[in-house]
Amino acid sequence: MATTTPTTSIDPTAIYRVDMIRPVRRGAVLYRPGVAHQMTGAMVLDVAAAGGASGSDIADLMTATRIE
């Protein structure tokens, strides 16, 4: 069962469904709101850092729901 995970407990090895609140570019990839994204927790943290977020303010950028 999927549960929304607080940003302070993102497991880098778990898989998450990510819903972006605003667009974020990481390298050549643009993560946009309204598009289904699945990524590891490590990638969630990387995308958050690329969007200028860290720690508890990741919630202003995206929601991450653990699916695995």
C-alpha atoms as a PDB file:
ATOM      1  CA  MET A   1       0.000   0.000   0.000  1.00  0.00           C
ATOM      2  CA  ALA A   2       1.363   3.409  -0.942  1.00  0.00           C
ATOM      3  CA  THR A   3       1.883   5.987   1.769  1.00  0.00           C
ATOM      4  CA  THR A   4       3.033   9.593   1.577  1.00  0.00           C
ATOM      5  CA  THR A   5       6.494   9.829   3.078  1.00  0.00           C
ATOM      6  CA  PRO A   6       7.742  12.807   5.107  1.00  0.00           C
ATOM      7  CA  THR A   7      10.815  14.342   3.490  1.00  0.00           C
ATOM      8  CA  THR A   8      12.912  13.598   6.550  1.00  0.00           C
ATOM      9  CA  SER A   9      12.471   9.854   6.079  1.00  0.00           C
ATOM     10  CA  ILE A  10      13.093   9.350   2.354  1.00  0.00           C
ATOM     11  CA  ASP A  11      14.861   6.010   1.872  1.00  0.00           C
ATOM     12  CA  PRO A  12      17.436   6.378  -0.934  1.00  0.00           C
ATOM     13  CA  THR A  13      16.871   2.768  -2.067  1.00  0.00           C
ATOM     14  CA  ALA A  14      13.049   2.790  -2.129  1.00  0.00           C
ATOM     15  CA  ILE A  15      10.913   3.620  -5.165  1.00  0.00           C
ATOM     16  CA  TYR A  16       8.627   6.674  -5.033  1.00  0.00           C
ATOM     17  CA  ARG A  17       5.814   8.140  -7.115  1.00  0.00           C
ATOM     18  CA  VAL A  18       6.603  11.837  -7.347  1.00  0.00           C
ATOM     19  CA  ASP A  19       4.123  14.613  -8.060  1.00  0.00           C
ATOM     20  CA  MET A  20       5.881  17.873  -8.832  1.00  0.00           C
ATOM     21  CA  ILE A  21       4.429  21.142  -7.584  1.00  0.00           C
ATOM     22  CA  ARG A  22       6.596  23.221  -9.897  1.00  0.00           C
ATOM     23  CA  PRO A  23       8.958  22.320 -12.769  1.00  0.00           C
ATOM     24  CA  VAL A  24      12.563  21.409 -11.964  1.00  0.00           C
ATOM     25  CA  ARG A  25      15.399  20.868 -14.433  1.00  0.00           C
ATOM     26  CA  ARG A  26      18.088  18.362 -13.516  1.00  0.00           C
ATOM     27  CA  GLY A  27      20.664  18.157 -16.277  1.00  0.00           C
ATOM     28  CA  ALA A  28      18.864  17.586 -19.568  1.00  0.00           C
ATOM     29  CA  VAL A  29      15.672  16.329 -17.879  1.00  0.00           C
ATOM     30  CA  LEU A  30      12.766  18.602 -16.970  1.00  0.00           C
ATOM     31  CA  TYR A  31      10.452  17.203 -14.276  1.00  0.00           C
ATOM     32  CA  ARG A  32       7.026  18.802 -14.728  1.00  0.00           C
ATOM     33  CA  PRO A  33       3.823  18.914 -12.716  1.00  0.00           C
ATOM     34  CA  GLY A  34       1.040  16.772 -14.155  1.00  0.00           C
ATOM     35  CA  VAL A  35       3.407  14.083 -15.449  1.00  0.00           C
ATOM     36  CA  ALA A  36       3.774  10.726 -13.669  1.00  0.00           C
ATOM     37  CA  HIS A  37       7.293  10.317 -12.277  1.00  0.00           C
ATOM     38  CA  GLN A  38       8.724   7.241 -10.576  1.00  0.00           C
ATOM     39  CA  MET A  39      12.204   7.374  -9.108  1.00  0.00           C
ATOM     40  CA  THR A  40      14.406   6.118  -6.306  1.00  0.00           C
ATOM     41  CA  GLY A  41      14.684   8.046  -3.073  1.00  0.00           C
ATOM     42  CA  ALA A  42      18.215   9.047  -4.029  1.00  0.00           C
ATOM     43  CA  MET A  43      16.865  10.615  -7.226  1.00  0.00           C
ATOM     44  CA  VAL A  44      14.080  12.345  -5.250  1.00  0.00           C
ATOM     45  CA  LEU A  45      16.733  14.009  -3.122  1.00  0.00           C
ATOM     46  CA  ASP A  46      18.832  14.918  -6.202  1.00  0.00           C
ATOM     47  CA  VAL A  47      15.853  16.478  -7.983  1.00  0.00           C
ATOM     48  CA  ALA A  48      14.948  18.367  -4.808  1.00  0.00           C
ATOM     49  CA  ALA A  49      18.497  19.714  -4.554  1.00  0.00           C
ATOM     50  CA  ALA A  50      18.396  20.738  -8.236  1.00  0.00           C
ATOM     51  CA  GLY A  51      15.199  22.644  -7.449  1.00  0.00           C
ATOM     52  CA  GLY A  52      16.913  24.495  -4.626  1.00  0.00           C
ATOM     53  CA  ALA A  53      15.148  22.576  -1.856  1.00  0.00           C
ATOM     54  CA  SER A  54      16.686  20.834   1.116  1.00  0.00           C
ATOM     55  CA  GLY A  55      15.417  19.250   4.291  1.00  0.00           C
ATOM     56  CA  SER A  56      11.835  20.072   5.203  1.00  0.00           C
ATOM     57  CA  ASP A  57      11.199  22.462   2.300  1.00  0.00           C
ATOM     58  CA  ILE A  58      11.109  19.618  -0.254  1.00  0.00           C
ATOM     59  CA  ALA A  59       7.351  19.604   0.343  1.00  0.00           C
ATOM     60  CA  ASP A  60       7.182  23.014  -1.388  1.00  0.00           C
ATOM     61  CA  LEU A  61       8.607  21.375  -4.514  1.00  0.00           C
ATOM     62  CA  MET A  62       7.041  17.908  -4.695  1.00  0.00           C
ATOM     63  CA  THR A  63       5.184  15.135  -2.923  1.00  0.00           C
ATOM     64  CA  ALA A  64       6.872  11.734  -2.800  1.00  0.00           C
ATOM     65  CA  THR A  65       4.776   8.628  -2.144  1.00  0.00           C
ATOM     66  CA  ARG A  66       6.654   5.404  -1.421  1.00  0.00           C
ATOM     67  CA  ILE A  67       5.395   2.592  -3.641  1.00  0.00           C
ATOM     68  CA  GLU A  68       7.980  -0.120  -2.974  1.00  0.00           C
END
